[in-house]
């Protein structure tokens, strides 16, 4: 029973800290997003803000659904000692899945005209992928290194 708890909480730890690192890296290293905004004209900026708002709403919907499912897990009679970790895993997975599954009404790439704008957009896209990978690798390194110092 204790071993299952450790597995579930380890998976939650990896997901949660990866998300934190990814969002943290985005906040700290957001020059690519600022550059993209600077190369867009006013009409494109309006489109960009609408797309950002829609994506944020998708994220909130996923967060809401994940929270409800997680709450159901916490309130259930499951005989799992790691209910909180399991609820956290469900929250993160539901948020991510719903964000990607919900239909997108528009894509920024359709509105880019100049080569500079397209390069700026591709830089944002590549950096987002790099932040995801860096967050995941960072968590794995932490997971294996922290026990060495404790």
N, C-alpha and C. Protein backbone atom coordinates (compact mmCIF):
# COMPACT_ATOMS: atom_id res chain seq x y z
N UNK A 1 0.83 -1.19 0.00
CA UNK A 1 0.00 0.00 0.00
C UNK A 1 0.87 1.26 0.00
N UNK A 2 1.92 1.25 0.80
CA UNK A 2 2.83 2.40 0.90
C UNK A 2 3.55 2.62 -0.42
N UNK A 3 3.89 1.52 -1.10
CA UNK A 3 4.61 1.60 -2.38
C UNK A 3 3.73 2.27 -3.44
N UNK A 4 2.44 1.93 -3.47
CA UNK A 4 1.51 2.55 -4.41
C UNK A 4 1.40 4.05 -4.16
N UNK A 5 1.37 4.42 -2.89
CA UNK A 5 1.31 5.83 -2.52
C UNK A 5 2.53 6.57 -3.05
N UNK A 6 3.69 5.97 -2.90
CA UNK A 6 4.93 6.59 -3.37
C UNK A 6 4.91 6.77 -4.88
N UNK A 7 4.43 5.76 -5.60
CA UNK A 7 4.38 5.84 -7.07
C UNK A 7 3.45 6.96 -7.52
N UNK A 8 2.27 6.99 -6.95
CA UNK A 8 1.28 8.00 -7.34
C UNK A 8 1.79 9.40 -7.01
N UNK A 9 2.36 9.56 -5.83
CA UNK A 9 2.85 10.89 -5.43
C UNK A 9 4.08 11.29 -6.24
N UNK A 10 4.89 10.33 -6.64
CA UNK A 10 6.04 10.64 -7.50
C UNK A 10 5.57 11.13 -8.86
N UNK A 11 4.57 10.47 -9.41
CA UNK A 11 4.02 10.90 -10.70
C UNK A 11 3.43 12.31 -10.57
N UNK A 12 2.69 12.54 -9.50
CA UNK A 12 2.14 13.88 -9.27
C UNK A 12 3.25 14.91 -9.16
N UNK A 13 4.27 14.59 -8.40
CA UNK A 13 5.41 15.50 -8.21
C UNK A 13 6.03 15.86 -9.56
N UNK A 14 6.23 14.87 -10.40
CA UNK A 14 6.84 15.12 -11.72
C UNK A 14 5.95 16.03 -12.55
N UNK A 15 4.65 15.74 -12.62
CA UNK A 15 3.73 16.58 -13.39
C UNK A 15 3.68 18.00 -12.84
N UNK A 16 3.50 18.12 -11.54
CA UNK A 16 3.30 19.42 -10.90
C UNK A 16 4.53 20.31 -11.04
N UNK A 17 5.68 19.78 -10.72
CA UNK A 17 6.89 20.61 -10.77
C UNK A 17 7.26 20.92 -12.22
N UNK A 18 6.97 20.01 -13.15
CA UNK A 18 7.20 20.30 -14.57
C UNK A 18 6.35 21.50 -14.98
N UNK A 19 5.08 21.50 -14.60
CA UNK A 19 4.20 22.63 -14.90
C UNK A 19 4.73 23.92 -14.28
N UNK A 20 5.12 23.85 -13.01
CA UNK A 20 5.65 25.04 -12.34
C UNK A 20 6.89 25.57 -13.04
N UNK A 21 7.79 24.67 -13.40
CA UNK A 21 9.02 25.10 -14.06
C UNK A 21 8.72 25.68 -15.44
N UNK A 22 7.80 25.05 -16.16
CA UNK A 22 7.45 25.54 -17.49
C UNK A 22 6.84 26.94 -17.41
N UNK A 23 5.91 27.14 -16.49
CA UNK A 23 5.30 28.46 -16.35
C UNK A 23 6.31 29.47 -15.82
N UNK A 24 7.15 29.03 -14.90
CA UNK A 24 8.19 29.92 -14.38
C UNK A 24 9.16 30.36 -15.45
N UNK A 25 9.58 29.41 -16.30
CA UNK A 25 10.48 29.76 -17.40
C UNK A 25 9.80 30.72 -18.37
N UNK A 26 8.50 30.55 -18.58
CA UNK A 26 7.77 31.44 -19.48
C UNK A 26 7.73 32.86 -18.91
N UNK A 27 7.55 32.98 -17.61
CA UNK A 27 7.51 34.30 -16.99
C UNK A 27 8.88 34.97 -17.06
N UNK A 28 9.92 34.21 -16.75
CA UNK A 28 11.28 34.76 -16.72
C UNK A 28 11.81 35.04 -18.12
N UNK A 29 11.60 34.09 -19.02
CA UNK A 29 12.12 34.22 -20.38
C UNK A 29 10.98 34.48 -21.36
N UNK A 30 10.45 35.68 -21.34
CA UNK A 30 9.31 36.00 -22.21
C UNK A 30 9.68 37.02 -23.28
N UNK A 31 10.96 37.20 -23.53
CA UNK A 31 11.40 38.15 -24.55
C UNK A 31 10.89 37.80 -25.93
N UNK A 32 10.77 36.49 -26.21
CA UNK A 32 10.26 36.07 -27.51
C UNK A 32 8.82 36.50 -27.71
N UNK A 33 8.01 36.44 -26.65
CA UNK A 33 6.62 36.88 -26.75
C UNK A 33 6.53 38.39 -26.95
N UNK A 34 7.38 39.12 -26.26
CA UNK A 34 7.39 40.58 -26.42
C UNK A 34 7.84 40.96 -27.83
N UNK A 35 8.84 40.24 -28.35
CA UNK A 35 9.31 40.52 -29.71
C UNK A 35 8.19 40.24 -30.72
N UNK A 36 7.46 39.14 -30.53
CA UNK A 36 6.35 38.83 -31.43
C UNK A 36 5.33 39.96 -31.41
N UNK A 37 4.95 40.42 -30.24
CA UNK A 37 3.99 41.52 -30.15
C UNK A 37 4.50 42.78 -30.84
N UNK A 38 5.80 43.03 -30.73
CA UNK A 38 6.38 44.24 -31.34
C UNK A 38 6.36 44.20 -32.86
N UNK A 39 6.40 43.01 -33.46
CA UNK A 39 6.44 42.94 -34.93
C UNK A 39 5.05 42.84 -35.55
N UNK A 40 4.01 42.75 -34.71
CA UNK A 40 2.64 42.67 -35.23
C UNK A 40 2.06 44.07 -35.42
N UNK A 41 1.21 44.21 -36.45
CA UNK A 41 0.50 45.49 -36.61
C UNK A 41 -0.73 45.47 -35.68
N UNK A 42 -1.47 46.57 -35.65
CA UNK A 42 -2.58 46.70 -34.70
C UNK A 42 -3.66 45.64 -34.91
N UNK A 43 -4.01 45.37 -36.16
CA UNK A 43 -5.03 44.37 -36.45
C UNK A 43 -4.57 42.98 -35.99
N UNK A 44 -3.30 42.67 -36.26
CA UNK A 44 -2.75 41.38 -35.84
C UNK A 44 -2.69 41.28 -34.32
N UNK A 45 -2.37 42.39 -33.66
CA UNK A 45 -2.33 42.37 -32.19
C UNK A 45 -3.71 42.07 -31.62
N UNK A 46 -4.75 42.66 -32.20
CA UNK A 46 -6.12 42.37 -31.74
C UNK A 46 -6.44 40.89 -31.91
N UNK A 47 -6.07 40.34 -33.05
CA UNK A 47 -6.28 38.91 -33.30
C UNK A 47 -5.50 38.08 -32.29
N UNK A 48 -4.25 38.46 -32.05
CA UNK A 48 -3.38 37.76 -31.10
C UNK A 48 -4.00 37.76 -29.70
N UNK A 49 -4.51 38.91 -29.26
CA UNK A 49 -5.12 39.01 -27.94
C UNK A 49 -6.40 38.17 -27.84
N UNK A 50 -7.18 38.12 -28.93
CA UNK A 50 -8.39 37.29 -28.94
C UNK A 50 -8.02 35.81 -28.83
N UNK A 51 -6.99 35.41 -29.56
CA UNK A 51 -6.54 34.02 -29.52
C UNK A 51 -6.02 33.68 -28.12
N UNK A 52 -5.24 34.58 -27.53
CA UNK A 52 -4.73 34.35 -26.17
C UNK A 52 -5.88 34.20 -25.18
N UNK A 53 -6.89 35.05 -25.32
CA UNK A 53 -8.04 35.00 -24.41
C UNK A 53 -8.79 33.68 -24.57
N UNK A 54 -8.98 33.24 -25.81
CA UNK A 54 -9.67 31.97 -26.05
C UNK A 54 -8.89 30.82 -25.44
N UNK A 55 -7.56 30.80 -25.63
CA UNK A 55 -6.73 29.72 -25.08
C UNK A 55 -6.76 29.73 -23.56
N UNK A 56 -6.77 30.91 -22.96
CA UNK A 56 -6.85 31.02 -21.51
C UNK A 56 -8.19 30.47 -21.02
N UNK A 57 -9.27 30.75 -21.75
CA UNK A 57 -10.58 30.20 -21.39
C UNK A 57 -10.58 28.68 -21.49
N UNK A 58 -9.91 28.13 -22.51
CA UNK A 58 -9.79 26.67 -22.63
C UNK A 58 -9.06 26.11 -21.41
N UNK A 59 -7.99 26.79 -21.01
CA UNK A 59 -7.23 26.36 -19.84
C UNK A 59 -8.11 26.37 -18.60
N UNK A 60 -8.88 27.45 -18.42
CA UNK A 60 -9.77 27.55 -17.25
C UNK A 60 -10.85 26.47 -17.26
N UNK A 61 -11.39 26.16 -18.43
CA UNK A 61 -12.39 25.09 -18.52
C UNK A 61 -11.78 23.76 -18.11
N UNK A 62 -10.59 23.48 -18.60
CA UNK A 62 -9.89 22.25 -18.21
C UNK A 62 -9.61 22.22 -16.72
N UNK A 63 -9.21 23.36 -16.19
CA UNK A 63 -8.94 23.46 -14.76
C UNK A 63 -10.21 23.20 -13.95
N UNK A 64 -11.32 23.73 -14.43
CA UNK A 64 -12.60 23.52 -13.74
C UNK A 64 -13.02 22.06 -13.75
N UNK A 65 -12.94 21.43 -14.91
CA UNK A 65 -13.32 20.02 -15.02
C UNK A 65 -12.37 19.16 -14.17
N UNK A 66 -11.08 19.43 -14.28
CA UNK A 66 -10.10 18.69 -13.49
C UNK A 66 -10.32 18.86 -12.00
N UNK A 67 -10.68 20.08 -11.59
CA UNK A 67 -10.95 20.34 -10.17
C UNK A 67 -12.16 19.56 -9.69
N UNK A 68 -13.21 19.53 -10.51
CA UNK A 68 -14.41 18.78 -10.12
C UNK A 68 -14.12 17.29 -9.99
N UNK A 69 -13.40 16.74 -10.96
CA UNK A 69 -13.07 15.31 -10.89
C UNK A 69 -12.15 15.05 -9.69
N UNK A 70 -11.18 15.94 -9.49
CA UNK A 70 -10.29 15.79 -8.34
C UNK A 70 -11.05 15.85 -7.02
N UNK A 71 -12.01 16.76 -6.94
CA UNK A 71 -12.83 16.87 -5.73
C UNK A 71 -13.63 15.59 -5.51
N UNK A 72 -14.16 15.03 -6.59
CA UNK A 72 -14.90 13.76 -6.47
C UNK A 72 -13.99 12.66 -5.93
N UNK A 73 -12.75 12.65 -6.37
CA UNK A 73 -11.79 11.65 -5.87
C UNK A 73 -11.56 11.87 -4.37
N UNK A 74 -11.38 13.12 -3.98
CA UNK A 74 -11.12 13.41 -2.56
C UNK A 74 -12.31 13.05 -1.68
N UNK A 75 -13.52 13.25 -2.19
CA UNK A 75 -14.72 12.98 -1.40
C UNK A 75 -15.19 11.54 -1.50
N UNK A 76 -14.57 10.76 -2.36
CA UNK A 76 -14.99 9.37 -2.56
C UNK A 76 -14.54 8.49 -1.39
N UNK A 77 -15.04 7.28 -1.40
CA UNK A 77 -14.68 6.30 -0.37
C UNK A 77 -13.54 5.40 -0.82
N UNK A 78 -12.75 5.87 -1.76
CA UNK A 78 -11.63 5.06 -2.25
C UNK A 78 -10.69 4.73 -1.10
N UNK A 79 -10.19 3.53 -1.13
CA UNK A 79 -9.24 3.11 -0.10
C UNK A 79 -7.81 3.33 -0.60
N UNK A 80 -7.56 4.53 -1.04
CA UNK A 80 -6.23 4.90 -1.54
C UNK A 80 -5.64 5.90 -0.56
N UNK A 81 -4.42 5.63 -0.12
CA UNK A 81 -3.80 6.52 0.86
C UNK A 81 -3.29 7.81 0.23
N UNK A 82 -3.19 7.80 -1.07
CA UNK A 82 -2.63 8.97 -1.76
C UNK A 82 -3.69 9.70 -2.58
N UNK A 83 -4.87 9.89 -2.00
CA UNK A 83 -5.97 10.55 -2.71
C UNK A 83 -5.58 11.94 -3.21
N UNK A 84 -4.83 12.68 -2.40
CA UNK A 84 -4.46 14.05 -2.79
C UNK A 84 -3.56 14.04 -4.02
N UNK A 85 -2.62 13.12 -4.04
CA UNK A 85 -1.73 13.02 -5.20
C UNK A 85 -2.50 12.58 -6.44
N UNK A 86 -3.40 11.61 -6.26
CA UNK A 86 -4.22 11.13 -7.38
C UNK A 86 -5.11 12.26 -7.90
N UNK A 87 -5.71 13.03 -7.00
CA UNK A 87 -6.54 14.16 -7.41
C UNK A 87 -5.71 15.19 -8.17
N UNK A 88 -4.48 15.41 -7.74
CA UNK A 88 -3.58 16.34 -8.43
C UNK A 88 -3.22 15.86 -9.82
N UNK A 89 -2.96 14.56 -9.96
CA UNK A 89 -2.66 14.00 -11.28
C UNK A 89 -3.85 14.20 -12.21
N UNK A 90 -5.04 13.87 -11.72
CA UNK A 90 -6.26 14.02 -12.52
C UNK A 90 -6.46 15.48 -12.91
N UNK A 91 -6.24 16.39 -11.98
CA UNK A 91 -6.38 17.82 -12.26
C UNK A 91 -5.46 18.24 -13.39
N UNK A 92 -4.20 17.88 -13.31
CA UNK A 92 -3.22 18.29 -14.33
C UNK A 92 -3.52 17.64 -15.68
N UNK A 93 -3.81 16.34 -15.67
CA UNK A 93 -4.11 15.65 -16.94
C UNK A 93 -5.39 16.18 -17.58
N UNK A 94 -6.43 16.39 -16.78
CA UNK A 94 -7.69 16.90 -17.33
C UNK A 94 -7.49 18.30 -17.90
N UNK A 95 -6.77 19.14 -17.19
CA UNK A 95 -6.52 20.50 -17.67
C UNK A 95 -5.81 20.46 -19.02
N UNK A 96 -4.78 19.65 -19.11
CA UNK A 96 -4.00 19.55 -20.35
C UNK A 96 -4.82 18.95 -21.48
N UNK A 97 -5.50 17.84 -21.21
CA UNK A 97 -6.26 17.17 -22.27
C UNK A 97 -7.38 18.06 -22.80
N UNK A 98 -8.11 18.69 -21.92
CA UNK A 98 -9.23 19.53 -22.35
C UNK A 98 -8.72 20.73 -23.13
N UNK A 99 -7.60 21.30 -22.70
CA UNK A 99 -7.01 22.42 -23.43
C UNK A 99 -6.72 22.03 -24.88
N UNK A 100 -6.13 20.86 -25.07
CA UNK A 100 -5.76 20.44 -26.42
C UNK A 100 -6.94 19.89 -27.22
N UNK A 101 -7.95 19.35 -26.56
CA UNK A 101 -9.09 18.76 -27.27
C UNK A 101 -10.09 19.81 -27.73
N UNK A 102 -10.30 20.84 -26.93
CA UNK A 102 -11.29 21.86 -27.32
C UNK A 102 -10.91 22.49 -28.66
N UNK A 103 -11.91 22.72 -29.52
CA UNK A 103 -11.61 23.30 -30.84
C UNK A 103 -11.12 24.74 -30.72
N UNK A 104 -10.18 25.07 -31.56
CA UNK A 104 -9.63 26.43 -31.61
C UNK A 104 -10.29 27.15 -32.77
N UNK A 105 -10.78 28.36 -32.52
CA UNK A 105 -11.50 29.10 -33.56
C UNK A 105 -10.55 29.72 -34.58
N UNK A 106 -9.32 29.97 -34.18
CA UNK A 106 -8.38 30.65 -35.07
C UNK A 106 -6.96 30.30 -34.66
N UNK A 107 -6.04 30.48 -35.59
CA UNK A 107 -4.62 30.25 -35.33
C UNK A 107 -3.84 31.47 -35.79
N UNK A 108 -2.90 31.89 -35.00
CA UNK A 108 -2.13 33.10 -35.29
C UNK A 108 -1.38 32.99 -36.60
N UNK A 109 -0.91 31.82 -36.92
CA UNK A 109 -0.09 31.63 -38.13
C UNK A 109 -0.84 32.08 -39.38
N UNK A 110 -2.16 32.01 -39.37
CA UNK A 110 -2.97 32.43 -40.53
C UNK A 110 -2.91 33.94 -40.77
N UNK A 111 -2.52 34.70 -39.77
CA UNK A 111 -2.57 36.16 -39.85
C UNK A 111 -1.19 36.80 -40.01
N UNK A 112 -0.16 36.00 -40.05
CA UNK A 112 1.19 36.55 -40.18
C UNK A 112 1.50 36.81 -41.64
N UNK A 113 2.08 37.97 -41.91
CA UNK A 113 2.32 38.37 -43.31
C UNK A 113 3.79 38.41 -43.66
N UNK A 114 4.60 38.99 -42.80
CA UNK A 114 6.01 39.17 -43.15
C UNK A 114 6.85 37.99 -42.67
N UNK A 115 8.01 37.87 -43.25
CA UNK A 115 8.94 36.82 -42.85
C UNK A 115 9.37 37.02 -41.39
N UNK A 116 9.57 38.28 -40.99
CA UNK A 116 9.98 38.57 -39.61
C UNK A 116 8.91 38.10 -38.62
N UNK A 117 7.64 38.30 -38.95
CA UNK A 117 6.55 37.85 -38.08
C UNK A 117 6.53 36.32 -37.98
N UNK A 118 6.71 35.67 -39.10
CA UNK A 118 6.71 34.20 -39.10
C UNK A 118 7.87 33.63 -38.30
N UNK A 119 9.04 34.25 -38.43
CA UNK A 119 10.21 33.81 -37.66
C UNK A 119 9.97 34.05 -36.17
N UNK A 120 9.39 35.19 -35.83
CA UNK A 120 9.09 35.49 -34.42
C UNK A 120 8.11 34.46 -33.85
N UNK A 121 7.10 34.09 -34.64
CA UNK A 121 6.12 33.10 -34.20
C UNK A 121 6.78 31.73 -34.01
N UNK A 122 7.62 31.35 -34.94
CA UNK A 122 8.31 30.05 -34.84
C UNK A 122 9.26 30.04 -33.63
N UNK A 123 9.86 31.17 -33.33
CA UNK A 123 10.73 31.27 -32.15
C UNK A 123 9.91 31.05 -30.88
N UNK A 124 8.74 31.67 -30.81
CA UNK A 124 7.86 31.48 -29.65
C UNK A 124 7.48 30.00 -29.54
N UNK A 125 7.11 29.40 -30.64
CA UNK A 125 6.69 28.00 -30.66
C UNK A 125 7.83 27.08 -30.21
N UNK A 126 9.01 27.27 -30.78
CA UNK A 126 10.17 26.43 -30.42
C UNK A 126 10.55 26.63 -28.95
N UNK A 127 10.52 27.87 -28.49
CA UNK A 127 10.88 28.13 -27.10
C UNK A 127 9.88 27.51 -26.13
N UNK A 128 8.61 27.47 -26.52
CA UNK A 128 7.60 26.84 -25.66
C UNK A 128 7.91 25.35 -25.52
N UNK A 129 8.26 24.71 -26.62
CA UNK A 129 8.62 23.29 -26.57
C UNK A 129 9.87 23.09 -25.72
N UNK A 130 10.85 23.97 -25.89
CA UNK A 130 12.08 23.88 -25.09
C UNK A 130 11.78 24.04 -23.60
N UNK A 131 10.85 24.92 -23.26
CA UNK A 131 10.50 25.13 -21.85
C UNK A 131 9.83 23.88 -21.27
N UNK A 132 8.99 23.23 -22.05
CA UNK A 132 8.37 21.99 -21.60
C UNK A 132 9.43 20.93 -21.33
N UNK A 133 10.34 20.77 -22.28
CA UNK A 133 11.40 19.77 -22.14
C UNK A 133 12.30 20.11 -20.96
N UNK A 134 12.69 21.38 -20.84
CA UNK A 134 13.56 21.80 -19.73
C UNK A 134 12.89 21.56 -18.38
N UNK A 135 11.60 21.84 -18.30
CA UNK A 135 10.87 21.59 -17.06
C UNK A 135 10.87 20.12 -16.70
N UNK A 136 10.60 19.26 -17.68
CA UNK A 136 10.56 17.82 -17.43
C UNK A 136 11.93 17.28 -17.04
N UNK A 137 12.96 17.67 -17.79
CA UNK A 137 14.33 17.20 -17.50
C UNK A 137 14.77 17.72 -16.12
N UNK A 138 14.44 18.97 -15.83
CA UNK A 138 14.78 19.54 -14.53
C UNK A 138 14.17 18.76 -13.38
N UNK A 139 12.93 18.35 -13.53
CA UNK A 139 12.25 17.57 -12.49
C UNK A 139 12.91 16.21 -12.33
N UNK A 140 13.22 15.56 -13.42
CA UNK A 140 13.86 14.25 -13.34
C UNK A 140 15.21 14.37 -12.65
N UNK A 141 15.99 15.38 -13.01
CA UNK A 141 17.29 15.59 -12.37
C UNK A 141 17.10 15.84 -10.87
N UNK A 142 16.16 16.71 -10.52
CA UNK A 142 15.88 16.97 -9.10
C UNK A 142 15.46 15.71 -8.37
N UNK A 143 14.63 14.92 -9.01
CA UNK A 143 14.12 13.71 -8.38
C UNK A 143 15.25 12.77 -8.01
N UNK A 144 16.24 12.65 -8.89
CA UNK A 144 17.33 11.73 -8.62
C UNK A 144 18.46 12.36 -7.80
N UNK A 145 18.60 13.68 -7.82
CA UNK A 145 19.70 14.34 -7.11
C UNK A 145 19.36 14.73 -5.67
N UNK A 146 18.13 15.11 -5.41
CA UNK A 146 17.77 15.56 -4.06
C UNK A 146 18.05 14.49 -3.01
N UNK A 147 17.70 13.22 -3.25
CA UNK A 147 18.00 12.20 -2.23
C UNK A 147 19.49 12.06 -1.92
N UNK A 148 20.35 12.44 -2.84
CA UNK A 148 21.79 12.35 -2.59
C UNK A 148 22.24 13.34 -1.53
N UNK A 149 21.52 14.45 -1.39
CA UNK A 149 21.92 15.50 -0.46
C UNK A 149 21.11 15.51 0.84
N UNK A 150 20.12 14.66 0.91
CA UNK A 150 19.27 14.63 2.12
C UNK A 150 19.71 13.50 3.02
